[in-house]
C-alpha atoms as a PDB file:
ATOM      1  CA  UNK A   1     -32.483 -14.612 -37.738  1.00  0.00           C
ATOM      2  CA  UNK A   2     -35.115 -14.512 -35.022  1.00  0.00           C
ATOM      3  CA  UNK A   3     -34.839 -18.082 -33.323  1.00  0.00           C
ATOM      4  CA  UNK A   4     -38.300 -17.472 -31.930  1.00  0.00           C
ATOM      5  CA  UNK A   5     -39.718 -18.019 -35.314  1.00  0.00           C
ATOM      6  CA  UNK A   6     -38.263 -21.393 -35.780  1.00  0.00           C
ATOM      7  CA  UNK A   7     -40.927 -23.856 -34.880  1.00  0.00           C
ATOM      8  CA  UNK A   8     -38.787 -27.028 -34.781  1.00  0.00           C
ATOM      9  CA  UNK A   9     -36.631 -25.898 -31.921  1.00  0.00           C
ATOM     10  CA  UNK A  10     -38.407 -27.929 -29.251  1.00  0.00           C
ATOM     11  CA  UNK A  11     -38.223 -31.069 -31.461  1.00  0.00           C
ATOM     12  CA  UNK A  12     -34.583 -30.553 -32.121  1.00  0.00           C
ATOM     13  CA  UNK A  13     -33.371 -30.191 -28.622  1.00  0.00           C
ATOM     14  CA  UNK A  14     -36.062 -32.351 -26.981  1.00  0.00           C
ATOM     15  CA  UNK A  15     -39.342 -31.549 -25.169  1.00  0.00           C
ATOM     16  CA  UNK A  16     -37.803 -31.905 -21.592  1.00  0.00           C
ATOM     17  CA  UNK A  17     -34.857 -29.674 -22.190  1.00  0.00           C
ATOM     18  CA  UNK A  18     -36.966 -26.878 -23.897  1.00  0.00           C
ATOM     19  CA  UNK A  19     -39.379 -27.090 -20.959  1.00  0.00           C
ATOM     20  CA  UNK A  20     -37.047 -25.166 -18.825  1.00  0.00           C
ATOM     21  CA  UNK A  21     -37.176 -22.244 -21.124  1.00  0.00           C
ATOM     22  CA  UNK A  22     -40.789 -22.671 -21.814  1.00  0.00           C
ATOM     23  CA  UNK A  23     -41.764 -22.816 -18.160  1.00  0.00           C
ATOM     24  CA  UNK A  24     -39.812 -19.528 -17.546  1.00  0.00           C
ATOM     25  CA  UNK A  25     -42.063 -17.614 -19.998  1.00  0.00           C
ATOM     26  CA  UNK A  26     -45.276 -19.465 -19.103  1.00  0.00           C
ATOM     27  CA  UNK A  27     -45.605 -21.369 -22.365  1.00  0.00           C
ATOM     28  CA  UNK A  28     -44.578 -18.638 -24.665  1.00  0.00           C
ATOM     29  CA  UNK A  29     -42.789 -20.467 -27.435  1.00  0.00           C
ATOM     30  CA  UNK A  30     -41.279 -17.285 -29.030  1.00  0.00           C
ATOM     31  CA  UNK A  31     -39.809 -15.988 -25.769  1.00  0.00           C
ATOM     32  CA  UNK A  32     -38.701 -19.459 -24.761  1.00  0.00           C
ATOM     33  CA  UNK A  33     -36.763 -19.954 -28.051  1.00  0.00           C
ATOM     34  CA  UNK A  34     -35.109 -16.584 -27.834  1.00  0.00           C
ATOM     35  CA  UNK A  35     -33.990 -17.285 -24.124  1.00  0.00           C
ATOM     36  CA  UNK A  36     -32.524 -20.614 -25.254  1.00  0.00           C
ATOM     37  CA  UNK A  37     -30.488 -18.735 -27.938  1.00  0.00           C
ATOM     38  CA  UNK A  38     -29.446 -16.089 -25.542  1.00  0.00           C
ATOM     39  CA  UNK A  39     -28.437 -18.798 -23.186  1.00  0.00           C
ATOM     40  CA  UNK A  40     -26.176 -20.264 -25.776  1.00  0.00           C
ATOM     41  CA  UNK A  41     -24.698 -16.872 -26.525  1.00  0.00           C
ATOM     42  CA  UNK A  42     -23.978 -15.881 -22.942  1.00  0.00           C
ATOM     43  CA  UNK A  43     -22.497 -19.483 -22.116  1.00  0.00           C
ATOM     44  CA  UNK A  44     -19.996 -19.020 -25.078  1.00  0.00           C
ATOM     45  CA  UNK A  45     -19.036 -15.691 -23.773  1.00  0.00           C
ATOM     46  CA  UNK A  46     -18.138 -17.017 -20.387  1.00  0.00           C
ATOM     47  CA  UNK A  47     -15.705 -19.533 -21.875  1.00  0.00           C
ATOM     48  CA  UNK A  48     -13.034 -16.921 -22.354  1.00  0.00           C
ATOM     49  CA  UNK A  49     -12.906 -15.552 -18.797  1.00  0.00           C
ATOM     50  CA  UNK A  50     -13.235 -19.151 -17.416  1.00  0.00           C
ATOM     51  CA  UNK A  51     -10.255 -20.422 -19.450  1.00  0.00           C
ATOM     52  CA  UNK A  52      -8.099 -17.539 -18.207  1.00  0.00           C
ATOM     53  CA  UNK A  53      -9.172 -18.194 -14.433  1.00  0.00           C
ATOM     54  CA  UNK A  54      -8.853 -21.982 -14.756  1.00  0.00           C
ATOM     55  CA  UNK A  55      -5.291 -21.911 -16.279  1.00  0.00           C
ATOM     56  CA  UNK A  56      -4.011 -19.135 -14.017  1.00  0.00           C
ATOM     57  CA  UNK A  57      -5.512 -20.930 -10.815  1.00  0.00           C
ATOM     58  CA  UNK A  58      -4.038 -24.368 -11.500  1.00  0.00           C
ATOM     59  CA  UNK A  59      -0.570 -22.967 -12.343  1.00  0.00           C
ATOM     60  CA  UNK A  60      -0.546 -20.574  -9.268  1.00  0.00           C
ATOM     61  CA  UNK A  61      -1.701 -23.470  -6.808  1.00  0.00           C
ATOM     62  CA  UNK A  62       0.783 -25.934  -8.596  1.00  0.00           C
ATOM     63  CA  UNK A  63       3.652 -23.419  -8.135  1.00  0.00           C
ATOM     64  CA  UNK A  64       2.607 -22.763  -4.381  1.00  0.00           C
ATOM     65  CA  UNK A  65       2.426 -26.455  -3.779  1.00  0.00           C
ATOM     66  CA  UNK A  66       5.724 -27.323  -5.501  1.00  0.00           C
ATOM     67  CA  UNK A  67       7.872 -24.411  -4.142  1.00  0.00           C
ATOM     68  CA  UNK A  68      11.091 -25.721  -2.489  1.00  0.00           C
ATOM     69  CA  UNK A  69      10.173 -29.338  -3.353  1.00  0.00           C
ATOM     70  CA  UNK A  70       9.636 -31.690  -6.345  1.00  0.00           C
ATOM     71  CA  UNK A  71       7.079 -30.828  -8.992  1.00  0.00           C
ATOM     72  CA  UNK A  72       5.430 -34.152  -8.150  1.00  0.00           C
ATOM     73  CA  UNK A  73       4.425 -32.890  -4.816  1.00  0.00           C
ATOM     74  CA  UNK A  74       1.393 -35.196  -4.824  1.00  0.00           C
ATOM     75  CA  UNK A  75       3.773 -38.185  -4.442  1.00  0.00           C
ATOM     76  CA  UNK A  76       5.395 -36.990  -1.308  1.00  0.00           C
ATOM     77  CA  UNK A  77       4.667 -38.761   1.987  1.00  0.00           C
ATOM     78  CA  UNK A  78       3.803 -35.531   3.650  1.00  0.00           C
ATOM     79  CA  UNK A  79       0.978 -34.918   0.957  1.00  0.00           C
ATOM     80  CA  UNK A  80      -2.220 -36.313   2.416  1.00  0.00           C
ATOM     81  CA  UNK A  81      -5.440 -35.895   0.415  1.00  0.00           C
ATOM     82  CA  UNK A  82      -8.944 -36.909   1.238  1.00  0.00           C
ATOM     83  CA  UNK A  83      -9.897 -40.189  -0.454  1.00  0.00           C
ATOM     84  CA  UNK A  84     -12.159 -38.628  -2.962  1.00  0.00           C
ATOM     85  CA  UNK A  85      -9.601 -35.939  -3.777  1.00  0.00           C
ATOM     86  CA  UNK A  86      -6.788 -38.565  -4.341  1.00  0.00           C
ATOM     87  CA  UNK A  87      -9.124 -40.575  -6.506  1.00  0.00           C
ATOM     88  CA  UNK A  88      -9.428 -37.744  -9.019  1.00  0.00           C
ATOM     89  CA  UNK A  89      -5.701 -37.470  -9.150  1.00  0.00           C
ATOM     90  CA  UNK A  90      -5.139 -41.274  -9.601  1.00  0.00           C
ATOM     91  CA  UNK A  91      -7.794 -41.450 -12.173  1.00  0.00           C
ATOM     92  CA  UNK A  92      -6.328 -38.524 -14.211  1.00  0.00           C
ATOM     93  CA  UNK A  93      -2.856 -40.078 -14.107  1.00  0.00           C
ATOM     94  CA  UNK A  94      -4.203 -43.405 -15.170  1.00  0.00           C
ATOM     95  CA  UNK A  95      -6.026 -41.936 -18.187  1.00  0.00           C
ATOM     96  CA  UNK A  96      -2.872 -40.055 -19.218  1.00  0.00           C
ATOM     97  CA  UNK A  97      -0.681 -43.328 -18.930  1.00  0.00           C
ATOM     98  CA  UNK A  98      -3.024 -44.925 -21.506  1.00  0.00           C
ATOM     99  CA  UNK A  99      -1.597 -42.476 -23.799  1.00  0.00           C
ATOM    100  CA  UNK A 100       1.803 -41.424 -22.513  1.00  0.00           C
ATOM    101  CA  UNK A 101       3.958 -43.950 -20.749  1.00  0.00           C
ATOM    102  CA  UNK A 102       5.457 -41.530 -18.420  1.00  0.00           C
ATOM    103  CA  UNK A 103       3.439 -38.195 -18.389  1.00  0.00           C
ATOM    104  CA  UNK A 104       5.444 -35.252 -17.080  1.00  0.00           C
ATOM    105  CA  UNK A 105       4.424 -33.285 -14.147  1.00  0.00           C
ATOM    106  CA  UNK A 106       3.187 -30.499 -16.440  1.00  0.00           C
ATOM    107  CA  UNK A 107       1.061 -32.753 -18.410  1.00  0.00           C
ATOM    108  CA  UNK A 108      -0.511 -34.044 -15.167  1.00  0.00           C
ATOM    109  CA  UNK A 109      -1.078 -30.575 -13.935  1.00  0.00           C
ATOM    110  CA  UNK A 110      -2.811 -29.562 -17.178  1.00  0.00           C
ATOM    111  CA  UNK A 111      -5.066 -32.702 -17.414  1.00  0.00           C
ATOM    112  CA  UNK A 112      -6.339 -32.360 -13.761  1.00  0.00           C
ATOM    113  CA  UNK A 113      -9.930 -30.941 -13.619  1.00  0.00           C
ATOM    114  CA  UNK A 114     -10.943 -27.634 -12.337  1.00  0.00           C
ATOM    115  CA  UNK A 115     -12.706 -29.549  -9.427  1.00  0.00           C
ATOM    116  CA  UNK A 116      -9.430 -31.013  -8.295  1.00  0.00           C
ATOM    117  CA  UNK A 117      -7.921 -27.578  -7.601  1.00  0.00           C
ATOM    118  CA  UNK A 118     -10.885 -26.120  -5.937  1.00  0.00           C
ATOM    119  CA  UNK A 119     -11.097 -29.054  -3.608  1.00  0.00           C
ATOM    120  CA  UNK A 120      -7.918 -27.842  -2.103  1.00  0.00           C
ATOM    121  CA  UNK A 121      -9.757 -24.772  -0.706  1.00  0.00           C
ATOM    122  CA  UNK A 122     -12.405 -26.965   1.048  1.00  0.00           C
ATOM    123  CA  UNK A 123     -11.942 -27.574   4.736  1.00  0.00           C
ATOM    124  CA  UNK A 124     -10.978 -31.190   4.594  1.00  0.00           C
ATOM    125  CA  UNK A 125     -11.481 -32.464   8.160  1.00  0.00           C
ATOM    126  CA  UNK A 126     -11.047 -29.640  10.569  1.00  0.00           C
ATOM    127  CA  UNK A 127      -8.569 -30.112  13.342  1.00  0.00           C
ATOM    128  CA  UNK A 128      -7.413 -33.431  11.914  1.00  0.00           C
ATOM    129  CA  UNK A 129      -3.517 -33.695  12.238  1.00  0.00           C
ATOM    130  CA  UNK A 130      -3.146 -34.657   8.543  1.00  0.00           C
ATOM    131  CA  UNK A 131      -6.402 -33.782   6.690  1.00  0.00           C
ATOM    132  CA  UNK A 132      -7.249 -30.343   7.862  1.00  0.00           C
ATOM    133  CA  UNK A 133      -6.826 -28.511   4.583  1.00  0.00           C
ATOM    134  CA  UNK A 134      -6.784 -25.196   6.437  1.00  0.00           C
ATOM    135  CA  UNK A 135      -3.493 -26.052   8.158  1.00  0.00           C
ATOM    136  CA  UNK A 136      -2.112 -28.639   5.715  1.00  0.00           C
ATOM    137  CA  UNK A 137      -2.497 -26.646   2.556  1.00  0.00           C
ATOM    138  CA  UNK A 138      -3.934 -23.164   2.791  1.00  0.00           C
ATOM    139  CA  UNK A 139      -1.970 -21.517   5.559  1.00  0.00           C
ATOM    140  CA  UNK A 140       1.618 -22.911   4.842  1.00  0.00           C
ATOM    141  CA  UNK A 141       1.296 -22.720   0.946  1.00  0.00           C
ATOM    142  CA  UNK A 142      -1.882 -22.068  -1.050  1.00  0.00           C
ATOM    143  CA  UNK A 143      -2.670 -18.514   0.328  1.00  0.00           C
ATOM    144  CA  UNK A 144       0.548 -17.572  -1.321  1.00  0.00           C
ATOM    145  CA  UNK A 145      -1.024 -18.570  -4.668  1.00  0.00           C
ATOM    146  CA  UNK A 146      -3.199 -15.369  -4.251  1.00  0.00           C
ATOM    147  CA  UNK A 147      -0.724 -12.546  -3.464  1.00  0.00           C
ATOM    148  CA  UNK A 148      -3.116  -9.677  -4.297  1.00  0.00           C
ATOM    149  CA  UNK A 149      -5.939 -11.132  -2.057  1.00  0.00           C
ATOM    150  CA  UNK A 150      -5.869  -8.950   1.029  1.00  0.00           C
ATOM    151  CA  UNK A 151      -7.113 -10.856   4.195  1.00  0.00           C
ATOM    152  CA  UNK A 152      -8.440 -13.474   1.849  1.00  0.00           C
ATOM    153  CA  UNK A 153     -10.391 -16.311   3.622  1.00  0.00           C
ATOM    154  CA  UNK A 154     -10.210 -19.754   2.356  1.00  0.00           C
ATOM    155  CA  UNK A 155     -13.839 -20.698   2.945  1.00  0.00           C
ATOM    156  CA  UNK A 156     -15.057 -17.584   1.004  1.00  0.00           C
ATOM    157  CA  UNK A 157     -12.853 -18.236  -1.881  1.00  0.00           C
ATOM    158  CA  UNK A 158     -14.002 -21.866  -1.894  1.00  0.00           C
ATOM    159  CA  UNK A 159     -17.611 -20.881  -1.906  1.00  0.00           C
ATOM    160  CA  UNK A 160     -17.182 -18.350  -4.816  1.00  0.00           C
ATOM    161  CA  UNK A 161     -15.206 -20.956  -6.884  1.00  0.00           C
ATOM    162  CA  UNK A 162     -17.743 -23.546  -6.074  1.00  0.00           C
ATOM    163  CA  UNK A 163     -20.365 -21.452  -7.765  1.00  0.00           C
ATOM    164  CA  UNK A 164     -18.073 -20.586 -10.690  1.00  0.00           C
ATOM    165  CA  UNK A 165     -17.276 -24.410 -11.191  1.00  0.00           C
ATOM    166  CA  UNK A 166     -21.005 -25.192 -11.044  1.00  0.00           C
ATOM    167  CA  UNK A 167     -21.649 -22.745 -13.794  1.00  0.00           C
ATOM    168  CA  UNK A 168     -18.626 -24.032 -15.846  1.00  0.00           C
ATOM    169  CA  UNK A 169     -20.021 -27.636 -15.639  1.00  0.00           C
ATOM    170  CA  UNK A 170     -23.470 -26.491 -16.644  1.00  0.00           C
ATOM    171  CA  UNK A 171     -22.048 -24.789 -19.688  1.00  0.00           C
ATOM    172  CA  UNK A 172     -19.924 -27.911 -20.633  1.00  0.00           C
ATOM    173  CA  UNK A 173     -22.958 -30.075 -20.508  1.00  0.00           C
ATOM    174  CA  UNK A 174     -25.103 -27.688 -22.576  1.00  0.00           C
ATOM    175  CA  UNK A 175     -27.328 -26.849 -19.523  1.00  0.00           C
ATOM    176  CA  UNK A 176     -29.171 -23.457 -18.854  1.00  0.00           C
ATOM    177  CA  UNK A 177     -27.266 -20.915 -16.784  1.00  0.00           C
ATOM    178  CA  UNK A 178     -29.808 -18.064 -17.265  1.00  0.00           C
ATOM    179  CA  UNK A 179     -31.137 -18.576 -13.711  1.00  0.00           C
ATOM    180  CA  UNK A 180     -27.745 -18.239 -12.073  1.00  0.00           C
ATOM    181  CA  UNK A 181     -26.469 -14.850 -10.795  1.00  0.00           C
ATOM    182  CA  UNK A 182     -24.402 -14.265 -13.750  1.00  0.00           C
ATOM    183  CA  UNK A 183     -23.543 -10.566 -13.014  1.00  0.00           C
ATOM    184  CA  UNK A 184     -22.142 -11.639  -9.685  1.00  0.00           C
ATOM    185  CA  UNK A 185     -20.414 -14.767 -11.136  1.00  0.00           C
ATOM    186  CA  UNK A 186     -18.740 -12.534 -13.760  1.00  0.00           C
ATOM    187  CA  UNK A 187     -17.348 -10.247 -11.203  1.00  0.00           C
ATOM    188  CA  UNK A 188     -16.097 -13.155  -9.062  1.00  0.00           C
ATOM    189  CA  UNK A 189     -14.193 -14.597 -11.973  1.00  0.00           C
ATOM    190  CA  UNK A 190     -12.449 -11.258 -12.562  1.00  0.00           C
ATOM    191  CA  UNK A 191     -11.703 -10.599  -8.962  1.00  0.00           C
ATOM    192  CA  UNK A 192     -10.184 -14.033  -8.345  1.00  0.00           C
ATOM    193  CA  UNK A 193      -8.127 -13.890 -11.322  1.00  0.00           C
ATOM    194  CA  UNK A 194      -6.961 -10.402  -9.886  1.00  0.00           C
ATOM    195  CA  UNK A 195      -5.973 -12.172  -6.634  1.00  0.00           C
ATOM    196  CA  UNK A 196      -3.486 -14.286  -8.528  1.00  0.00           C
ATOM    197  CA  UNK A 197      -2.147 -11.328 -10.653  1.00  0.00           C
ATOM    198  CA  UNK A 198      -3.298  -7.973 -11.662  1.00  0.00           C
ATOM    199  CA  UNK A 199      -2.547  -8.854 -15.190  1.00  0.00           C
ATOM    200  CA  UNK A 200      -4.743 -11.913 -15.344  1.00  0.00           C
ATOM    201  CA  UNK A 201      -7.731  -9.564 -14.600  1.00  0.00           C
ATOM    202  CA  UNK A 202      -6.526  -7.090 -17.202  1.00  0.00           C
ATOM    203  CA  UNK A 203      -6.138  -9.766 -19.840  1.00  0.00           C
ATOM    204  CA  UNK A 204      -9.695 -10.974 -19.062  1.00  0.00           C
ATOM    205  CA  UNK A 205     -11.116  -7.562 -19.165  1.00  0.00           C
ATOM    206  CA  UNK A 206      -9.539  -7.024 -22.666  1.00  0.00           C
ATOM    207  CA  UNK A 207     -11.058 -10.118 -24.311  1.00  0.00           C
ATOM    208  CA  UNK A 208     -14.357 -10.711 -22.361  1.00  0.00           C
ATOM    209  CA  UNK A 209     -17.683  -9.950 -24.009  1.00  0.00           C
ATOM    210  CA  UNK A 210     -19.875 -11.159 -21.064  1.00  0.00           C
ATOM    211  CA  UNK A 211     -20.897  -7.747 -19.948  1.00  0.00           C
ATOM    212  CA  UNK A 212     -22.029  -6.829 -23.459  1.00  0.00           C
ATOM    213  CA  UNK A 213     -24.049  -9.979 -23.726  1.00  0.00           C
ATOM    214  CA  UNK A 214     -25.594  -9.417 -20.412  1.00  0.00           C
ATOM    215  CA  UNK A 215     -26.551  -6.096 -21.077  1.00  0.00           C
ATOM    216  CA  UNK A 216     -28.418  -7.013 -24.359  1.00  0.00           C
ATOM    217  CA  UNK A 217     -30.382  -9.813 -22.733  1.00  0.00           C
ATOM    218  CA  UNK A 218     -33.740  -7.759 -22.788  1.00  0.00           C
ATOM    219  CA  UNK A 219     -33.287  -6.826 -26.338  1.00  0.00           C
ATOM    220  CA  UNK A 220     -32.456 -10.431 -27.337  1.00  0.00           C
ATOM    221  CA  UNK A 221     -35.530 -11.823 -25.669  1.00  0.00           C
ATOM    222  CA  UNK A 222     -38.055  -9.241 -26.630  1.00  0.00           C
ATOM    223  CA  UNK A 223     -36.942  -8.700 -30.187  1.00  0.00           C
ATOM    224  CA  UNK A 224     -34.995 -11.745 -31.205  1.00  0.00           C
ATOM    225  CA  UNK A 225     -31.894  -9.860 -31.858  1.00  0.00           C
ATOM    226  CA  UNK A 226     -28.894 -12.116 -31.317  1.00  0.00           C
ATOM    227  CA  UNK A 227     -25.340 -11.259 -32.109  1.00  0.00           C
ATOM    228  CA  UNK A 228     -24.338 -14.582 -33.764  1.00  0.00           C
END
């Protein structure tokens, strides 16, 4: 079905939400509706690669942070987190404890949001004796979570993951992502997964349909041919 022919779309999703798409095509309702449909299609395509990256990332970082010490490394006196970072951890544990009296370390790791893990790659407070994330986390431990990343720089990895996280959150809240550099982000997701393990990138490549959806954007917009 050609979504561009559905006249009630603007009413169904709200005028303000549709305006983003309508403005992109200077008031052309047919093209705007097709862009809306394609945005849904490409957003759903990204969930597969994002899920592989997110799970692999949190497990690799947890393993690096817990190596040679308890799985509850976050409770150690030597683990110093920025206040807003610690707040995410405390809030996540509190939510779990409303359902599980004593959540296991594995349950806590799985419940922590993507942003919690990416914050470890931020700078913290540079040159601070306890809160410099470069010296407290990256150099002694977290660089080992990315064994395939040759001469990998923390701040570059953080910038790439921040953009990936922004896109992930926009997808989760049903927001448009069509203006983002999707080809670049697709490559970044695969590349960072490959830093963790070559098989992560291989698995991603075997189940991802992002490239196909990106390639057919013009056809979807101009002719209303969607694949779902």
